Amino acid sequence: MTIWRALCLSTMLAFGSMLFAADPFVGVWKLDLARTATTPPNPTAPQPKQVTLTIKDEGDHRVVTIMGTNADGSPIRGGFTVPVTGGPGKVQGGSEAYDGLTLKYVSPTVHDLIYTKGDKAVAARHVVLSPDSKTMTTTYKGADEQGNPTTRVEVWHKR
């Protein structure tokens, strides 16, 4: 085998393995409560005690599960399923504020979620993954329980 043929083969293998590499969003994420904030602060909705987000791919669907404990000790449970390629998904409990959502990929490390109630967009979440794929920052813009505009910045760490 010539040096050029070996170089071409190793280059193809290197780039080919990148194409089939696991999606950096897939995994288990823990909410960093110290770096998470809501603006304006909502005294009627205190920070939860802990929240874990699990993202996995099952076939051609991305399954997102949210589990945790509220400040009052009650459980947090919810999630959704969306096509891996993006598009409309299905909500699996956890929220009365929305009944649908759509995933849009902006780049390999950035995506947006649009939450809907009926056919109306009611909130949005912008998700950005750090260059080392170990930290995920989300910015949620929507309304609180009283219908007032709110923004929540969440910082998640991959476990």
N, C-alpha and C. Protein backbone atom coordinates (compact mmCIF):
# COMPACT_ATOMS: atom_id res chain seq x y z
N MET A 1 0.85 -1.18 0.00
CA MET A 1 0.00 0.00 0.00
C MET A 1 0.90 1.24 0.00
N THR A 2 0.62 2.17 -0.89
CA THR A 2 1.43 3.38 -0.95
C THR A 2 1.07 4.30 0.21
N ILE A 3 1.98 5.22 0.48
CA ILE A 3 1.75 6.17 1.57
C ILE A 3 0.50 7.01 1.31
N TRP A 4 0.25 7.38 0.03
CA TRP A 4 -0.92 8.20 -0.30
C TRP A 4 -2.22 7.42 -0.10
N ARG A 5 -2.19 6.16 -0.48
CA ARG A 5 -3.39 5.34 -0.31
C ARG A 5 -3.68 5.18 1.19
N ALA A 6 -2.64 4.95 1.99
CA ALA A 6 -2.81 4.82 3.44
C ALA A 6 -3.32 6.12 4.04
N LEU A 7 -2.78 7.27 3.56
CA LEU A 7 -3.21 8.57 4.06
C LEU A 7 -4.68 8.81 3.71
N CYS A 8 -5.08 8.50 2.46
CA CYS A 8 -6.48 8.67 2.05
C CYS A 8 -7.41 7.79 2.88
N LEU A 9 -7.00 6.54 3.09
CA LEU A 9 -7.83 5.61 3.86
C LEU A 9 -7.98 6.10 5.29
N SER A 10 -6.89 6.53 5.93
CA SER A 10 -6.99 6.99 7.31
C SER A 10 -7.83 8.27 7.41
N THR A 11 -7.74 9.16 6.42
CA THR A 11 -8.54 10.38 6.40
C THR A 11 -10.02 10.05 6.27
N MET A 12 -10.36 9.12 5.37
CA MET A 12 -11.76 8.71 5.19
C MET A 12 -12.29 8.09 6.47
N LEU A 13 -11.50 7.27 7.14
CA LEU A 13 -11.94 6.65 8.38
C LEU A 13 -12.16 7.70 9.47
N ALA A 14 -11.26 8.66 9.54
CA ALA A 14 -11.39 9.71 10.57
C ALA A 14 -12.65 10.52 10.35
N PHE A 15 -12.89 10.99 9.11
CA PHE A 15 -14.08 11.78 8.84
C PHE A 15 -15.35 10.93 8.88
N GLY A 16 -15.28 9.71 8.48
CA GLY A 16 -16.43 8.81 8.53
C GLY A 16 -16.86 8.56 9.96
N SER A 17 -15.90 8.39 10.87
CA SER A 17 -16.27 8.16 12.27
C SER A 17 -16.91 9.41 12.86
N MET A 18 -16.54 10.60 12.38
CA MET A 18 -17.19 11.82 12.86
C MET A 18 -18.64 11.85 12.44
N LEU A 19 -18.95 11.36 11.25
CA LEU A 19 -20.34 11.36 10.79
C LEU A 19 -21.22 10.46 11.64
N PHE A 20 -20.65 9.40 12.17
CA PHE A 20 -21.43 8.45 12.96
C PHE A 20 -21.22 8.63 14.46
N ALA A 21 -20.54 9.71 14.87
CA ALA A 21 -20.31 9.96 16.29
C ALA A 21 -21.64 10.24 16.98
N ALA A 22 -21.69 9.92 18.25
CA ALA A 22 -22.91 10.14 19.03
C ALA A 22 -23.21 11.63 19.10
N ASP A 23 -24.48 11.96 19.07
CA ASP A 23 -24.92 13.35 19.19
C ASP A 23 -24.49 13.87 20.56
N PRO A 24 -23.84 15.04 20.65
CA PRO A 24 -23.35 15.53 21.94
C PRO A 24 -24.46 15.91 22.91
N PHE A 25 -25.70 16.09 22.43
CA PHE A 25 -26.81 16.40 23.34
C PHE A 25 -27.30 15.15 24.08
N VAL A 26 -27.07 13.98 23.51
CA VAL A 26 -27.55 12.74 24.12
C VAL A 26 -26.78 12.45 25.40
N GLY A 27 -27.50 12.14 26.47
CA GLY A 27 -26.88 11.83 27.75
C GLY A 27 -27.75 12.26 28.90
N VAL A 28 -27.17 12.25 30.09
CA VAL A 28 -27.86 12.65 31.31
C VAL A 28 -27.28 13.98 31.76
N TRP A 29 -28.16 14.93 32.03
CA TRP A 29 -27.78 16.29 32.39
C TRP A 29 -28.37 16.65 33.75
N LYS A 30 -27.59 17.34 34.57
CA LYS A 30 -28.07 17.79 35.88
C LYS A 30 -28.11 19.31 35.90
N LEU A 31 -29.24 19.85 36.39
CA LEU A 31 -29.42 21.30 36.46
C LEU A 31 -28.52 21.89 37.55
N ASP A 32 -27.77 22.92 37.20
CA ASP A 32 -26.92 23.66 38.13
C ASP A 32 -27.79 24.78 38.71
N LEU A 33 -28.36 24.54 39.88
CA LEU A 33 -29.30 25.49 40.48
C LEU A 33 -28.64 26.82 40.83
N ALA A 34 -27.36 26.80 41.19
CA ALA A 34 -26.66 28.03 41.56
C ALA A 34 -26.48 28.97 40.37
N ARG A 35 -26.47 28.43 39.16
CA ARG A 35 -26.26 29.24 37.95
C ARG A 35 -27.53 29.41 37.14
N THR A 36 -28.67 29.02 37.70
CA THR A 36 -29.95 29.11 37.02
C THR A 36 -30.74 30.26 37.64
N ALA A 37 -31.35 31.10 36.78
CA ALA A 37 -32.08 32.27 37.30
C ALA A 37 -33.28 32.59 36.41
N THR A 38 -34.32 33.12 37.06
CA THR A 38 -35.52 33.56 36.36
C THR A 38 -35.62 35.07 36.48
N THR A 39 -35.97 35.75 35.38
CA THR A 39 -36.12 37.19 35.35
C THR A 39 -37.51 37.54 34.82
N PRO A 40 -38.32 38.30 35.52
CA PRO A 40 -38.08 38.72 36.89
C PRO A 40 -38.22 37.53 37.84
N PRO A 41 -37.60 37.62 39.03
CA PRO A 41 -37.72 36.51 39.98
C PRO A 41 -39.19 36.25 40.32
N ASN A 42 -39.55 34.98 40.49
CA ASN A 42 -40.93 34.62 40.78
C ASN A 42 -40.99 34.00 42.18
N PRO A 43 -41.41 34.79 43.18
CA PRO A 43 -41.43 34.27 44.55
C PRO A 43 -42.45 33.15 44.76
N THR A 44 -43.44 33.04 43.88
CA THR A 44 -44.43 31.97 44.03
C THR A 44 -43.97 30.66 43.38
N ALA A 45 -42.84 30.68 42.70
CA ALA A 45 -42.29 29.47 42.07
C ALA A 45 -40.82 29.33 42.46
N PRO A 46 -40.54 28.87 43.68
CA PRO A 46 -39.15 28.74 44.12
C PRO A 46 -38.39 27.69 43.31
N GLN A 47 -37.07 27.80 43.34
CA GLN A 47 -36.20 26.85 42.62
C GLN A 47 -36.50 25.42 43.08
N PRO A 48 -36.45 24.46 42.18
CA PRO A 48 -36.60 23.06 42.60
C PRO A 48 -35.38 22.62 43.41
N LYS A 49 -35.51 21.48 44.10
CA LYS A 49 -34.38 20.93 44.85
C LYS A 49 -33.35 20.32 43.92
N GLN A 50 -33.83 19.62 42.89
CA GLN A 50 -32.92 19.03 41.89
C GLN A 50 -33.73 18.63 40.67
N VAL A 51 -33.06 18.66 39.51
CA VAL A 51 -33.69 18.27 38.25
C VAL A 51 -32.65 17.55 37.38
N THR A 52 -33.07 16.44 36.79
CA THR A 52 -32.23 15.69 35.87
C THR A 52 -32.95 15.57 34.54
N LEU A 53 -32.20 15.78 33.47
CA LEU A 53 -32.73 15.72 32.11
C LEU A 53 -32.01 14.57 31.41
N THR A 54 -32.77 13.64 30.85
CA THR A 54 -32.18 12.53 30.11
C THR A 54 -32.58 12.65 28.65
N ILE A 55 -31.60 12.67 27.76
CA ILE A 55 -31.84 12.77 26.33
C ILE A 55 -31.28 11.51 25.67
N LYS A 56 -32.14 10.80 24.95
CA LYS A 56 -31.66 9.60 24.24
C LYS A 56 -32.38 9.49 22.91
N ASP A 57 -31.75 8.78 22.00
CA ASP A 57 -32.34 8.52 20.69
C ASP A 57 -32.86 7.09 20.67
N GLU A 58 -34.10 6.95 20.25
CA GLU A 58 -34.72 5.64 20.08
C GLU A 58 -35.23 5.57 18.65
N GLY A 59 -34.48 4.86 17.82
CA GLY A 59 -34.83 4.81 16.40
C GLY A 59 -34.70 6.20 15.80
N ASP A 60 -35.76 6.67 15.16
CA ASP A 60 -35.71 7.99 14.53
C ASP A 60 -36.33 9.08 15.40
N HIS A 61 -36.45 8.82 16.71
CA HIS A 61 -37.00 9.81 17.62
C HIS A 61 -36.04 10.13 18.76
N ARG A 62 -36.04 11.38 19.16
CA ARG A 62 -35.30 11.83 20.33
C ARG A 62 -36.29 11.85 21.49
N VAL A 63 -35.93 11.18 22.58
CA VAL A 63 -36.79 11.10 23.76
C VAL A 63 -36.13 11.89 24.89
N VAL A 64 -36.86 12.87 25.42
CA VAL A 64 -36.35 13.72 26.49
C VAL A 64 -37.22 13.50 27.71
N THR A 65 -36.59 13.14 28.84
CA THR A 65 -37.30 12.89 30.09
C THR A 65 -36.77 13.83 31.16
N ILE A 66 -37.68 14.47 31.88
CA ILE A 66 -37.34 15.39 32.94
C ILE A 66 -37.84 14.80 34.26
N MET A 67 -36.93 14.65 35.21
CA MET A 67 -37.28 14.11 36.54
C MET A 67 -36.62 14.99 37.59
N GLY A 68 -37.30 15.15 38.72
CA GLY A 68 -36.70 15.93 39.79
C GLY A 68 -37.62 16.06 40.97
N THR A 69 -37.27 17.02 41.84
CA THR A 69 -38.03 17.28 43.04
C THR A 69 -38.22 18.79 43.19
N ASN A 70 -39.48 19.22 43.33
CA ASN A 70 -39.78 20.63 43.57
C ASN A 70 -39.34 21.05 44.96
N ALA A 71 -39.32 22.36 45.20
CA ALA A 71 -38.94 22.90 46.50
C ALA A 71 -39.80 22.34 47.62
N ASP A 72 -41.07 22.06 47.33
CA ASP A 72 -41.99 21.55 48.36
C ASP A 72 -41.91 20.02 48.52
N GLY A 73 -41.01 19.39 47.78
CA GLY A 73 -40.84 17.94 47.87
C GLY A 73 -41.66 17.14 46.88
N SER A 74 -42.55 17.79 46.14
CA SER A 74 -43.36 17.08 45.14
C SER A 74 -42.50 16.72 43.93
N PRO A 75 -42.87 15.64 43.24
CA PRO A 75 -42.05 15.20 42.11
C PRO A 75 -42.22 16.06 40.86
N ILE A 76 -41.16 16.14 40.10
CA ILE A 76 -41.18 16.76 38.77
C ILE A 76 -41.07 15.62 37.79
N ARG A 77 -42.03 15.50 36.89
CA ARG A 77 -42.00 14.46 35.86
C ARG A 77 -42.57 15.04 34.57
N GLY A 78 -41.89 14.78 33.49
CA GLY A 78 -42.37 15.24 32.20
C GLY A 78 -41.45 14.79 31.11
N GLY A 79 -41.75 15.23 29.92
CA GLY A 79 -40.89 14.91 28.81
C GLY A 79 -41.58 15.09 27.48
N PHE A 80 -40.83 14.78 26.45
CA PHE A 80 -41.37 14.89 25.09
C PHE A 80 -40.56 14.01 24.15
N THR A 81 -41.14 13.79 23.00
CA THR A 81 -40.50 13.03 21.93
C THR A 81 -40.58 13.87 20.66
N VAL A 82 -39.46 13.98 19.95
CA VAL A 82 -39.42 14.70 18.68
C VAL A 82 -38.62 13.87 17.68
N PRO A 83 -38.86 14.08 16.38
CA PRO A 83 -38.02 13.39 15.40
C PRO A 83 -36.56 13.81 15.56
N VAL A 84 -35.64 12.87 15.41
CA VAL A 84 -34.21 13.15 15.53
C VAL A 84 -33.80 14.24 14.53
N THR A 85 -34.44 14.28 13.39
CA THR A 85 -34.11 15.26 12.36
C THR A 85 -34.76 16.62 12.60
N GLY A 86 -35.55 16.75 13.67
CA GLY A 86 -36.25 17.99 13.97
C GLY A 86 -37.68 17.92 13.48
N GLY A 87 -38.48 18.89 13.91
CA GLY A 87 -39.88 18.94 13.52
C GLY A 87 -40.80 18.83 14.71
N PRO A 88 -42.11 18.66 14.46
CA PRO A 88 -43.10 18.60 15.54
C PRO A 88 -42.94 17.35 16.39
N GLY A 89 -43.20 17.50 17.68
CA GLY A 89 -43.08 16.38 18.61
C GLY A 89 -44.33 16.22 19.45
N LYS A 90 -44.23 15.31 20.42
CA LYS A 90 -45.35 15.01 21.31
C LYS A 90 -44.90 15.20 22.76
N VAL A 91 -45.77 15.82 23.54
CA VAL A 91 -45.52 16.06 24.96
C VAL A 91 -46.03 14.87 25.76
N GLN A 92 -45.24 14.43 26.74
CA GLN A 92 -45.67 13.35 27.65
C GLN A 92 -45.81 13.90 29.06
N GLY A 93 -46.84 14.63 29.30
CA GLY A 93 -47.13 15.13 30.64
C GLY A 93 -46.15 16.17 31.13
N GLY A 94 -46.41 16.65 32.33
CA GLY A 94 -45.49 17.58 32.96
C GLY A 94 -45.86 19.04 32.83
N SER A 95 -46.70 19.41 31.88
CA SER A 95 -47.03 20.82 31.71
C SER A 95 -48.45 21.00 31.22
N GLU A 96 -49.12 21.97 31.82
CA GLU A 96 -50.44 22.36 31.32
C GLU A 96 -50.30 23.60 30.45
N ALA A 97 -49.12 24.21 30.45
CA ALA A 97 -48.89 25.45 29.72
C ALA A 97 -48.78 25.23 28.22
N TYR A 98 -48.41 24.00 27.80
CA TYR A 98 -48.30 23.72 26.37
C TYR A 98 -48.66 22.26 26.12
N ASP A 99 -49.06 21.99 24.87
CA ASP A 99 -49.44 20.61 24.53
C ASP A 99 -48.70 20.10 23.30
N GLY A 100 -47.80 20.91 22.77
CA GLY A 100 -46.99 20.49 21.62
C GLY A 100 -45.69 21.27 21.58
N LEU A 101 -44.77 20.81 20.75
CA LEU A 101 -43.52 21.52 20.57
C LEU A 101 -42.89 21.11 19.26
N THR A 102 -42.00 21.96 18.79
CA THR A 102 -41.28 21.71 17.55
C THR A 102 -39.79 21.97 17.80
N LEU A 103 -38.96 21.04 17.31
CA LEU A 103 -37.51 21.16 17.43
C LEU A 103 -36.94 21.66 16.11
N LYS A 104 -36.08 22.67 16.18
CA LYS A 104 -35.41 23.19 14.99
C LYS A 104 -33.91 23.23 15.27
N TYR A 105 -33.13 22.59 14.39
CA TYR A 105 -31.67 22.62 14.52
C TYR A 105 -31.14 23.88 13.87
N VAL A 106 -30.37 24.65 14.62
CA VAL A 106 -29.72 25.85 14.13
C VAL A 106 -28.32 25.50 13.64
N SER A 107 -27.64 24.64 14.43
CA SER A 107 -26.30 24.14 14.10
C SER A 107 -26.12 22.85 14.89
N PRO A 108 -24.99 22.16 14.72
CA PRO A 108 -24.79 20.94 15.50
C PRO A 108 -24.77 21.14 17.01
N THR A 109 -24.51 22.38 17.46
CA THR A 109 -24.44 22.64 18.90
C THR A 109 -25.50 23.63 19.39
N VAL A 110 -26.42 23.99 18.52
CA VAL A 110 -27.48 24.95 18.89
C VAL A 110 -28.80 24.47 18.31
N HIS A 111 -29.84 24.47 19.14
CA HIS A 111 -31.17 24.22 18.61
C HIS A 111 -32.22 25.00 19.38
N ASP A 112 -33.39 25.11 18.78
CA ASP A 112 -34.49 25.85 19.36
C ASP A 112 -35.69 24.95 19.51
N LEU A 113 -36.44 25.16 20.59
CA LEU A 113 -37.71 24.49 20.81
C LEU A 113 -38.79 25.55 20.86
N ILE A 114 -39.86 25.32 20.13
CA ILE A 114 -41.02 26.21 20.17
C ILE A 114 -42.15 25.42 20.82
N TYR A 115 -42.68 25.94 21.93
CA TYR A 115 -43.77 25.29 22.65
C TYR A 115 -45.09 25.86 22.18
N THR A 116 -46.08 25.00 21.99
CA THR A 116 -47.38 25.45 21.49
C THR A 116 -48.51 24.97 22.40
N LYS A 117 -49.58 25.74 22.38
CA LYS A 117 -50.84 25.37 23.04
C LYS A 117 -51.89 25.51 21.95
N GLY A 118 -52.48 24.36 21.56
CA GLY A 118 -53.33 24.38 20.38
C GLY A 118 -52.42 24.61 19.19
N ASP A 119 -52.73 25.61 18.41
CA ASP A 119 -51.87 25.96 17.27
C ASP A 119 -51.07 27.23 17.51
N LYS A 120 -51.07 27.72 18.74
CA LYS A 120 -50.42 29.00 19.04
C LYS A 120 -49.10 28.79 19.77
N ALA A 121 -48.03 29.45 19.29
CA ALA A 121 -46.73 29.42 19.98
C ALA A 121 -46.86 30.20 21.28
N VAL A 122 -46.49 29.56 22.40
CA VAL A 122 -46.63 30.20 23.71
C VAL A 122 -45.30 30.42 24.41
N ALA A 123 -44.24 29.75 23.97
CA ALA A 123 -42.94 29.91 24.59
C ALA A 123 -41.85 29.38 23.66
N ALA A 124 -40.62 29.75 23.95
CA ALA A 124 -39.49 29.28 23.15
C ALA A 124 -38.30 29.02 24.06
N ARG A 125 -37.47 28.06 23.65
CA ARG A 125 -36.24 27.75 24.38
C ARG A 125 -35.10 27.67 23.38
N HIS A 126 -34.04 28.44 23.64
CA HIS A 126 -32.83 28.43 22.82
C HIS A 126 -31.78 27.63 23.59
N VAL A 127 -31.22 26.59 22.98
CA VAL A 127 -30.32 25.66 23.64
C VAL A 127 -28.94 25.73 22.97
N VAL A 128 -27.90 25.95 23.79
CA VAL A 128 -26.53 26.07 23.27
C VAL A 128 -25.63 25.13 24.06
N LEU A 129 -24.88 24.32 23.33
CA LEU A 129 -23.93 23.38 23.92
C LEU A 129 -22.54 24.01 23.91
N SER A 130 -21.80 23.85 25.00
CA SER A 130 -20.44 24.39 25.10
C SER A 130 -19.51 23.66 24.13
N PRO A 131 -18.38 24.27 23.77
CA PRO A 131 -17.43 23.62 22.85
C PRO A 131 -16.96 22.25 23.32
N ASP A 132 -16.85 22.03 24.64
CA ASP A 132 -16.41 20.72 25.13
C ASP A 132 -17.58 19.74 25.34
N SER A 133 -18.79 20.15 25.00
CA SER A 133 -20.01 19.33 25.10
C SER A 133 -20.34 18.88 26.52
N LYS A 134 -19.83 19.60 27.53
CA LYS A 134 -20.09 19.22 28.91
C LYS A 134 -21.07 20.14 29.62
N THR A 135 -21.35 21.29 29.02
CA THR A 135 -22.29 22.25 29.61
C THR A 135 -23.30 22.67 28.55
N MET A 136 -24.55 22.71 28.96
CA MET A 136 -25.63 23.13 28.08
C MET A 136 -26.35 24.30 28.75
N THR A 137 -26.51 25.40 28.02
CA THR A 137 -27.21 26.57 28.54
C THR A 137 -28.48 26.75 27.74
N THR A 138 -29.60 26.88 28.46
CA THR A 138 -30.88 27.09 27.78
C THR A 138 -31.47 28.41 28.24
N THR A 139 -32.08 29.11 27.30
CA THR A 139 -32.79 30.35 27.62
C THR A 139 -34.24 30.16 27.23
N TYR A 140 -35.12 30.16 28.23
CA TYR A 140 -36.55 29.96 28.04
C TYR A 140 -37.25 31.31 28.12
N LYS A 141 -38.09 31.61 27.14
CA LYS A 141 -38.89 32.84 27.15
C LYS A 141 -40.34 32.43 27.00
N GLY A 142 -41.14 32.82 27.98
CA GLY A 142 -42.55 32.47 27.98
C GLY A 142 -43.29 33.32 28.99
N ALA A 143 -44.24 32.71 29.68
CA ALA A 143 -45.03 33.41 30.68
C ALA A 143 -45.08 32.59 31.96
N ASP A 144 -45.20 33.29 33.09
CA ASP A 144 -45.36 32.58 34.36
C ASP A 144 -46.82 32.16 34.54
N GLU A 145 -47.15 31.62 35.72
CA GLU A 145 -48.49 31.12 35.98
C GLU A 145 -49.55 32.22 35.89
N GLN A 146 -49.16 33.48 36.12
CA GLN A 146 -50.09 34.60 36.05
C GLN A 146 -50.15 35.23 34.66
N GLY A 147 -49.39 34.69 33.72
CA GLY A 147 -49.39 35.22 32.35
C GLY A 147 -48.40 36.34 32.11
N ASN A 148 -47.55 36.65 33.09
CA ASN A 148 -46.56 37.71 32.94
C ASN A 148 -45.34 37.17 32.19
N PRO A 149 -44.74 38.00 31.31
CA PRO A 149 -43.56 37.55 30.57
C PRO A 149 -42.42 37.19 31.53
N THR A 150 -41.71 36.12 31.20
CA THR A 150 -40.59 35.69 32.04
C THR A 150 -39.49 35.09 31.16
N THR A 151 -38.27 35.19 31.64
CA THR A 151 -37.12 34.57 30.99
C THR A 151 -36.39 33.75 32.05
N ARG A 152 -36.00 32.53 31.67
CA ARG A 152 -35.28 31.66 32.61
C ARG A 152 -34.04 31.13 31.89
N VAL A 153 -32.89 31.40 32.47
CA VAL A 153 -31.63 30.87 31.95
C VAL A 153 -31.22 29.71 32.84
N GLU A 154 -31.05 28.53 32.23
CA GLU A 154 -30.69 27.32 32.95
C GLU A 154 -29.32 26.84 32.47
N VAL A 155 -28.51 26.39 33.41
CA VAL A 155 -27.20 25.81 33.09
C VAL A 155 -27.24 24.35 33.52
N TRP A 156 -26.90 23.46 32.57
CA TRP A 156 -26.92 22.02 32.79
C TRP A 156 -25.53 21.45 32.60
N HIS A 157 -25.18 20.46 33.42
CA HIS A 157 -23.88 19.80 33.30
C HIS A 157 -24.10 18.34 32.96
N LYS A 158 -23.33 17.85 32.00
CA LYS A 158 -23.42 16.46 31.59
C LYS A 158 -22.80 15.58 32.66
N ARG A 159 -23.49 14.49 32.95
CA ARG A 159 -22.98 13.56 33.98
C ARG A 159 -22.26 12.42 33.33
